[in-house]
Structures are given as structure tokens and as C-alpha cells.
N, C-alpha and C. Protein backbone atom coordinates (compact mmCIF):
# COMPACT_ATOMS: atom_id res chain seq x y z
N UNK A 1 -13.83 -12.81 4.68
CA UNK A 1 -13.83 -11.43 4.27
C UNK A 1 -12.92 -10.63 5.20
N UNK A 2 -12.32 -9.58 4.69
CA UNK A 2 -11.43 -8.75 5.48
C UNK A 2 -11.79 -7.29 5.26
N UNK A 3 -11.69 -6.51 6.32
CA UNK A 3 -11.91 -5.07 6.22
C UNK A 3 -10.58 -4.36 6.45
N UNK A 4 -10.34 -3.31 5.68
CA UNK A 4 -9.05 -2.63 5.68
C UNK A 4 -9.23 -1.16 6.01
N UNK A 5 -8.38 -0.64 6.88
CA UNK A 5 -8.42 0.76 7.25
C UNK A 5 -7.02 1.34 7.16
N UNK A 6 -6.85 2.31 6.27
CA UNK A 6 -5.55 2.94 6.09
C UNK A 6 -5.39 4.14 7.02
N UNK A 7 -4.14 4.46 7.32
CA UNK A 7 -3.82 5.66 8.09
C UNK A 7 -2.39 6.07 7.77
N UNK A 8 -2.04 7.28 8.20
CA UNK A 8 -0.66 7.73 8.04
C UNK A 8 -0.43 8.72 6.91
N UNK A 9 -1.47 8.99 6.14
CA UNK A 9 -1.31 9.98 5.08
C UNK A 9 -1.21 11.39 5.65
N UNK A 10 -0.91 12.34 4.77
CA UNK A 10 -0.81 13.71 5.22
C UNK A 10 -0.06 14.56 4.22
N UNK A 11 0.33 15.74 4.68
CA UNK A 11 1.06 16.69 3.86
C UNK A 11 2.54 16.63 4.23
N UNK A 12 3.38 16.51 3.22
CA UNK A 12 4.82 16.43 3.46
C UNK A 12 5.53 17.19 2.36
N UNK A 13 6.67 17.74 2.68
CA UNK A 13 7.45 18.45 1.67
C UNK A 13 8.21 17.47 0.78
N UNK A 14 8.49 17.91 -0.42
CA UNK A 14 9.27 17.08 -1.34
C UNK A 14 10.60 16.69 -0.68
N UNK A 15 10.97 15.44 -0.85
CA UNK A 15 12.15 14.91 -0.22
C UNK A 15 11.90 14.27 1.13
N UNK A 16 10.71 14.46 1.65
CA UNK A 16 10.38 13.92 2.96
C UNK A 16 9.92 12.48 2.90
N UNK A 17 9.49 11.97 4.06
CA UNK A 17 9.09 10.58 4.19
C UNK A 17 7.74 10.47 4.89
N UNK A 18 7.06 9.39 4.61
CA UNK A 18 5.82 9.04 5.29
C UNK A 18 5.76 7.53 5.43
N UNK A 19 5.10 7.07 6.49
CA UNK A 19 4.82 5.65 6.61
C UNK A 19 3.31 5.46 6.70
N UNK A 20 2.78 4.75 5.74
CA UNK A 20 1.37 4.42 5.74
C UNK A 20 1.15 3.08 6.43
N UNK A 21 0.02 2.97 7.09
CA UNK A 21 -0.36 1.72 7.74
C UNK A 21 -1.73 1.29 7.26
N UNK A 22 -1.95 0.00 7.25
CA UNK A 22 -3.26 -0.55 6.88
C UNK A 22 -3.57 -1.66 7.87
N UNK A 23 -4.58 -1.43 8.69
CA UNK A 23 -5.00 -2.41 9.67
C UNK A 23 -6.12 -3.26 9.09
N UNK A 24 -5.97 -4.56 9.23
CA UNK A 24 -6.95 -5.50 8.68
C UNK A 24 -7.69 -6.20 9.80
N UNK A 25 -8.97 -6.41 9.58
CA UNK A 25 -9.78 -7.16 10.54
C UNK A 25 -9.69 -8.64 10.24
N UNK A 26 -10.16 -9.46 11.16
CA UNK A 26 -10.23 -10.89 10.88
C UNK A 26 -9.04 -11.67 11.39
N UNK A 27 -9.25 -12.99 11.48
CA UNK A 27 -8.21 -13.86 12.04
C UNK A 27 -7.40 -14.58 10.98
N UNK A 28 -7.69 -14.28 9.70
CA UNK A 28 -7.01 -14.99 8.62
C UNK A 28 -6.10 -14.06 7.82
N UNK A 29 -5.62 -13.01 8.43
CA UNK A 29 -4.79 -12.02 7.74
C UNK A 29 -3.60 -12.67 7.07
N UNK A 30 -3.02 -13.68 7.69
CA UNK A 30 -1.83 -14.30 7.14
C UNK A 30 -2.11 -15.11 5.88
N UNK A 31 -3.37 -15.26 5.52
CA UNK A 31 -3.72 -15.97 4.30
C UNK A 31 -3.86 -15.04 3.10
N UNK A 32 -3.61 -13.75 3.33
CA UNK A 32 -3.83 -12.76 2.30
C UNK A 32 -2.53 -12.15 1.78
N UNK A 33 -2.46 -12.01 0.47
CA UNK A 33 -1.46 -11.13 -0.12
C UNK A 33 -2.00 -9.70 0.03
N UNK A 34 -1.10 -8.76 0.26
CA UNK A 34 -1.50 -7.38 0.48
C UNK A 34 -0.78 -6.47 -0.51
N UNK A 35 -1.42 -5.36 -0.82
CA UNK A 35 -0.83 -4.44 -1.79
C UNK A 35 -1.19 -3.00 -1.45
N UNK A 36 -0.39 -2.12 -1.98
CA UNK A 36 -0.68 -0.68 -1.94
C UNK A 36 -0.80 -0.20 -3.38
N UNK A 37 -1.83 0.59 -3.62
CA UNK A 37 -2.04 1.22 -4.91
C UNK A 37 -2.35 2.68 -4.66
N UNK A 38 -2.29 3.48 -5.71
CA UNK A 38 -2.58 4.90 -5.54
C UNK A 38 -3.32 5.44 -6.76
N UNK A 39 -4.04 6.52 -6.53
CA UNK A 39 -4.78 7.17 -7.61
C UNK A 39 -4.68 8.67 -7.46
N UNK A 40 -4.08 9.30 -8.45
CA UNK A 40 -3.97 10.75 -8.49
C UNK A 40 -5.18 11.32 -9.22
N UNK A 41 -5.51 12.57 -8.98
CA UNK A 41 -6.67 13.19 -9.65
C UNK A 41 -6.56 13.09 -11.16
N UNK A 42 -7.62 12.60 -11.78
CA UNK A 42 -7.65 12.51 -13.24
C UNK A 42 -6.85 11.37 -13.82
N UNK A 43 -6.31 10.51 -12.97
CA UNK A 43 -5.49 9.40 -13.47
C UNK A 43 -6.09 8.07 -13.01
N UNK A 44 -5.67 7.00 -13.68
CA UNK A 44 -6.12 5.68 -13.30
C UNK A 44 -5.40 5.21 -12.04
N UNK A 45 -6.03 4.24 -11.37
CA UNK A 45 -5.40 3.67 -10.19
C UNK A 45 -4.11 2.95 -10.61
N UNK A 46 -3.06 3.17 -9.84
CA UNK A 46 -1.72 2.70 -10.18
C UNK A 46 -1.19 1.77 -9.09
N UNK A 47 -0.64 0.65 -9.51
CA UNK A 47 -0.05 -0.29 -8.57
C UNK A 47 1.25 0.27 -8.01
N UNK A 48 1.49 0.10 -6.70
CA UNK A 48 2.71 0.59 -6.07
C UNK A 48 3.58 -0.56 -5.57
N UNK A 49 3.02 -1.42 -4.74
CA UNK A 49 3.81 -2.49 -4.15
C UNK A 49 2.90 -3.58 -3.62
N UNK A 50 3.46 -4.79 -3.50
CA UNK A 50 2.70 -5.92 -2.96
C UNK A 50 3.62 -6.79 -2.12
N UNK A 51 3.00 -7.54 -1.21
CA UNK A 51 3.75 -8.44 -0.34
C UNK A 51 2.96 -9.71 -0.15
N UNK A 52 3.65 -10.85 -0.15
CA UNK A 52 2.92 -12.11 -0.03
C UNK A 52 2.55 -12.38 1.42
N UNK A 53 1.89 -13.51 1.66
CA UNK A 53 1.30 -13.80 2.96
C UNK A 53 2.32 -13.81 4.10
N UNK A 54 3.53 -14.27 3.82
CA UNK A 54 4.54 -14.40 4.88
C UNK A 54 5.43 -13.18 5.00
N UNK A 55 5.42 -12.34 4.00
CA UNK A 55 6.35 -11.22 3.95
C UNK A 55 7.66 -11.58 3.29
N UNK A 56 7.78 -12.81 2.82
CA UNK A 56 9.02 -13.26 2.22
C UNK A 56 9.23 -12.83 0.79
N UNK A 57 8.17 -12.41 0.15
CA UNK A 57 8.27 -11.95 -1.25
C UNK A 57 7.58 -10.61 -1.40
N UNK A 58 8.20 -9.73 -2.15
CA UNK A 58 7.63 -8.42 -2.40
C UNK A 58 7.76 -8.08 -3.89
N UNK A 59 6.94 -7.15 -4.30
CA UNK A 59 6.97 -6.69 -5.69
C UNK A 59 6.76 -5.18 -5.68
N UNK A 60 7.53 -4.47 -6.49
CA UNK A 60 7.42 -3.02 -6.56
C UNK A 60 7.24 -2.58 -8.02
N UNK A 61 6.35 -1.63 -8.20
CA UNK A 61 6.23 -1.02 -9.51
C UNK A 61 7.38 -0.04 -9.72
N UNK A 62 7.68 0.22 -10.97
CA UNK A 62 8.81 1.09 -11.28
C UNK A 62 8.65 2.50 -10.72
N UNK A 63 7.41 2.94 -10.57
CA UNK A 63 7.14 4.33 -10.18
C UNK A 63 7.78 4.69 -8.85
N UNK A 64 7.83 3.72 -7.91
CA UNK A 64 8.40 4.04 -6.60
C UNK A 64 9.50 3.08 -6.17
N UNK A 65 9.96 2.27 -7.11
CA UNK A 65 11.00 1.30 -6.76
C UNK A 65 12.24 2.02 -6.26
N UNK A 66 12.78 1.55 -5.13
CA UNK A 66 13.95 2.18 -4.54
C UNK A 66 13.62 3.30 -3.58
N UNK A 67 12.36 3.74 -3.58
CA UNK A 67 11.96 4.83 -2.69
C UNK A 67 10.91 4.37 -1.68
N UNK A 68 10.46 3.13 -1.78
CA UNK A 68 9.46 2.67 -0.82
C UNK A 68 9.75 1.23 -0.42
N UNK A 69 9.22 0.88 0.75
CA UNK A 69 9.36 -0.48 1.26
C UNK A 69 8.03 -0.93 1.83
N UNK A 70 7.56 -2.07 1.38
CA UNK A 70 6.34 -2.65 1.92
C UNK A 70 6.72 -3.73 2.92
N UNK A 71 5.99 -3.79 4.01
CA UNK A 71 6.24 -4.80 5.04
C UNK A 71 4.93 -5.14 5.72
N UNK A 72 4.94 -6.22 6.50
CA UNK A 72 3.71 -6.61 7.20
C UNK A 72 4.06 -7.21 8.54
N UNK A 73 3.09 -7.13 9.44
CA UNK A 73 3.20 -7.73 10.77
C UNK A 73 1.97 -8.60 10.94
N UNK A 74 2.15 -9.91 10.84
CA UNK A 74 1.01 -10.82 10.90
C UNK A 74 0.47 -11.02 12.31
N UNK A 75 1.16 -10.51 13.29
CA UNK A 75 0.63 -10.53 14.67
C UNK A 75 -0.31 -9.35 14.86
N UNK A 76 0.09 -8.21 14.32
CA UNK A 76 -0.72 -6.99 14.45
C UNK A 76 -1.73 -6.83 13.32
N UNK A 77 -1.74 -7.77 12.38
CA UNK A 77 -2.66 -7.69 11.23
C UNK A 77 -2.53 -6.36 10.49
N UNK A 78 -1.32 -5.96 10.25
CA UNK A 78 -1.07 -4.65 9.66
C UNK A 78 -0.02 -4.76 8.55
N UNK A 79 -0.25 -3.99 7.50
CA UNK A 79 0.74 -3.86 6.43
C UNK A 79 1.15 -2.40 6.35
N UNK A 80 2.41 -2.18 6.02
CA UNK A 80 2.98 -0.85 6.03
C UNK A 80 3.56 -0.50 4.65
N UNK A 81 3.63 0.81 4.39
CA UNK A 81 4.35 1.29 3.21
C UNK A 81 5.20 2.47 3.67
N UNK A 82 6.49 2.25 3.74
CA UNK A 82 7.43 3.32 4.06
C UNK A 82 7.84 4.00 2.76
N UNK A 83 7.62 5.29 2.68
CA UNK A 83 7.92 6.04 1.46
C UNK A 83 8.96 7.11 1.78
N UNK A 84 10.01 7.15 0.99
CA UNK A 84 11.09 8.11 1.19
C UNK A 84 11.31 8.93 -0.08
N UNK A 85 12.04 10.01 0.06
CA UNK A 85 12.37 10.87 -1.09
C UNK A 85 11.13 11.20 -1.92
N UNK A 86 10.09 11.60 -1.23
CA UNK A 86 8.81 11.83 -1.90
C UNK A 86 8.90 13.00 -2.88
N UNK A 87 8.14 12.85 -3.97
CA UNK A 87 8.09 13.86 -5.02
C UNK A 87 6.66 14.36 -5.17
N UNK A 88 6.51 15.50 -5.80
CA UNK A 88 5.16 16.05 -5.97
C UNK A 88 4.28 15.09 -6.77
N UNK A 89 4.87 14.35 -7.67
CA UNK A 89 4.09 13.41 -8.48
C UNK A 89 3.64 12.18 -7.70
N UNK A 90 4.08 12.06 -6.45
CA UNK A 90 3.59 10.99 -5.59
C UNK A 90 2.27 11.37 -4.92
N UNK A 91 1.83 12.59 -5.10
CA UNK A 91 0.56 13.04 -4.53
C UNK A 91 -0.58 12.21 -5.09
N UNK A 92 -1.35 11.59 -4.20
CA UNK A 92 -2.43 10.70 -4.61
C UNK A 92 -3.17 10.22 -3.37
N UNK A 93 -4.28 9.56 -3.61
CA UNK A 93 -4.92 8.78 -2.56
C UNK A 93 -4.32 7.38 -2.62
N UNK A 94 -3.84 6.91 -1.49
CA UNK A 94 -3.19 5.60 -1.41
C UNK A 94 -4.17 4.61 -0.79
N UNK A 95 -4.32 3.47 -1.49
CA UNK A 95 -5.25 2.44 -1.07
C UNK A 95 -4.51 1.17 -0.69
N UNK A 96 -5.02 0.53 0.32
CA UNK A 96 -4.57 -0.79 0.72
C UNK A 96 -5.54 -1.82 0.12
N UNK A 97 -5.01 -2.95 -0.35
CA UNK A 97 -5.85 -3.96 -0.96
C UNK A 97 -5.40 -5.35 -0.53
N UNK A 98 -6.33 -6.30 -0.59
CA UNK A 98 -6.03 -7.66 -0.13
C UNK A 98 -6.64 -8.70 -1.07
N UNK A 99 -5.97 -9.84 -1.15
CA UNK A 99 -6.50 -10.98 -1.89
C UNK A 99 -6.09 -12.24 -1.13
N UNK A 100 -7.04 -13.13 -0.95
CA UNK A 100 -6.77 -14.36 -0.22
C UNK A 100 -6.07 -15.35 -1.14
N UNK A 101 -4.76 -15.35 -1.09
CA UNK A 101 -3.95 -16.20 -1.94
C UNK A 101 -2.56 -16.32 -1.35
N UNK A 102 -1.89 -17.43 -1.64
CA UNK A 102 -0.50 -17.59 -1.22
C UNK A 102 0.45 -17.14 -2.32
N UNK A 103 -0.12 -16.70 -3.45
CA UNK A 103 0.70 -16.14 -4.52
C UNK A 103 0.94 -14.65 -4.26
N UNK A 104 1.52 -13.97 -5.24
CA UNK A 104 1.81 -12.54 -5.11
C UNK A 104 1.28 -11.82 -6.34
N UNK A 105 0.00 -11.49 -6.35
CA UNK A 105 -0.57 -10.79 -7.50
C UNK A 105 0.04 -9.39 -7.63
N UNK A 106 0.23 -8.96 -8.86
CA UNK A 106 0.88 -7.66 -9.09
C UNK A 106 0.05 -6.73 -9.95
N UNK A 107 -1.25 -6.99 -10.03
CA UNK A 107 -2.12 -6.10 -10.78
C UNK A 107 -3.28 -5.63 -9.93
N UNK A 108 -3.72 -4.41 -10.20
CA UNK A 108 -4.81 -3.83 -9.41
C UNK A 108 -6.06 -4.70 -9.47
N UNK A 109 -6.33 -5.28 -10.63
CA UNK A 109 -7.55 -6.06 -10.81
C UNK A 109 -7.51 -7.39 -10.07
N UNK A 110 -6.36 -7.76 -9.56
CA UNK A 110 -6.21 -9.05 -8.88
C UNK A 110 -6.68 -9.02 -7.43
N UNK A 111 -6.95 -7.85 -6.91
CA UNK A 111 -7.26 -7.71 -5.49
C UNK A 111 -8.77 -7.53 -5.27
N UNK A 112 -9.25 -8.19 -4.22
CA UNK A 112 -10.69 -8.27 -3.99
C UNK A 112 -11.20 -7.28 -2.95
N UNK A 113 -10.38 -6.94 -1.99
CA UNK A 113 -10.82 -6.11 -0.87
C UNK A 113 -9.99 -4.84 -0.84
N UNK A 114 -10.68 -3.75 -0.55
CA UNK A 114 -10.04 -2.43 -0.62
C UNK A 114 -10.40 -1.60 0.61
N UNK A 115 -9.45 -0.77 1.03
CA UNK A 115 -9.75 0.20 2.06
C UNK A 115 -10.31 1.47 1.43
N UNK A 116 -10.58 2.45 2.28
CA UNK A 116 -11.16 3.71 1.81
C UNK A 116 -10.12 4.68 1.28
N UNK A 117 -8.87 4.44 1.59
CA UNK A 117 -7.80 5.28 1.08
C UNK A 117 -7.37 6.34 2.07
N UNK A 118 -6.13 6.79 1.92
CA UNK A 118 -5.58 7.87 2.72
C UNK A 118 -4.85 8.83 1.79
N UNK A 119 -5.08 10.13 1.99
CA UNK A 119 -4.52 11.13 1.09
C UNK A 119 -3.07 11.42 1.45
N UNK A 120 -2.23 11.41 0.43
CA UNK A 120 -0.84 11.83 0.56
C UNK A 120 -0.63 13.02 -0.37
N UNK A 121 -0.18 14.12 0.20
CA UNK A 121 0.08 15.32 -0.58
C UNK A 121 1.52 15.74 -0.38
N UNK A 122 2.25 15.85 -1.47
CA UNK A 122 3.65 16.23 -1.41
C UNK A 122 3.79 17.62 -2.02
N UNK A 123 4.24 18.55 -1.22
CA UNK A 123 4.38 19.92 -1.70
C UNK A 123 5.78 20.12 -2.27
N UNK A 124 5.83 20.89 -3.36
CA UNK A 124 7.11 21.12 -4.04
C UNK A 124 8.00 22.07 -3.23
């Protein structure tokens, strides 16, 4: 089992950048695929990006493709989401998720463990 704690959210102006972090507990972090998803008020949870166990493969949803980069540090047990050129429609709670697999799942339902989320608010 893994526990996830997100940080790095906040208020930013449109066009700005934020880097989210997700710290994972446990000694088997490198056995997990990791993902970032988001949920805006009144909307369904939306997939943003995923990274496989080694960091060698990534997947991005169209919503933020070209504006974000997912990465991981298997020594620090942390996954990151660098977001640039933020828009007001990026405002949401951002969640970190994990699944113990060497594959790269790309759907929200594929992930077993979730953090509590961090709020990102982009002002116009």
C-alpha cells in the first residue's frame, strides 16, 4: 500500500506556472505507475498525465498537452507536475494517484491509491 500527499497548489495568474509535488510513502515506489488527475467544480474527474515506474514513458491528455510535464524521482519517492501557460479553465483540485504496475495506465479508473488533492486556482 502507498500513501500520497500532494503539495504545491495555490493561486496563480493566467499565463503563470506552478509545480505540483506528490510525496509517496513506502519502499516500493518504483513499482508504481503514477498519475495526475484534476476535478473542477461541477465536473467529472479528468485525467491529466501519467508516468511509468522508471520515468521512461509518459502519457498526456489533450487538455494540458504541451503545457505540462510529469516527472518522478524514485530516490525521493516523489512525482511532479510542472504546469506552464496556465489558463482559468485549469482551475481545479489536482490529485495524485498510483497503481502498482509496470504498465502505463491512462484512465482514472485504473488507479488504486489517491491523495487528498491540492487546489490550483488560476485567475484571469
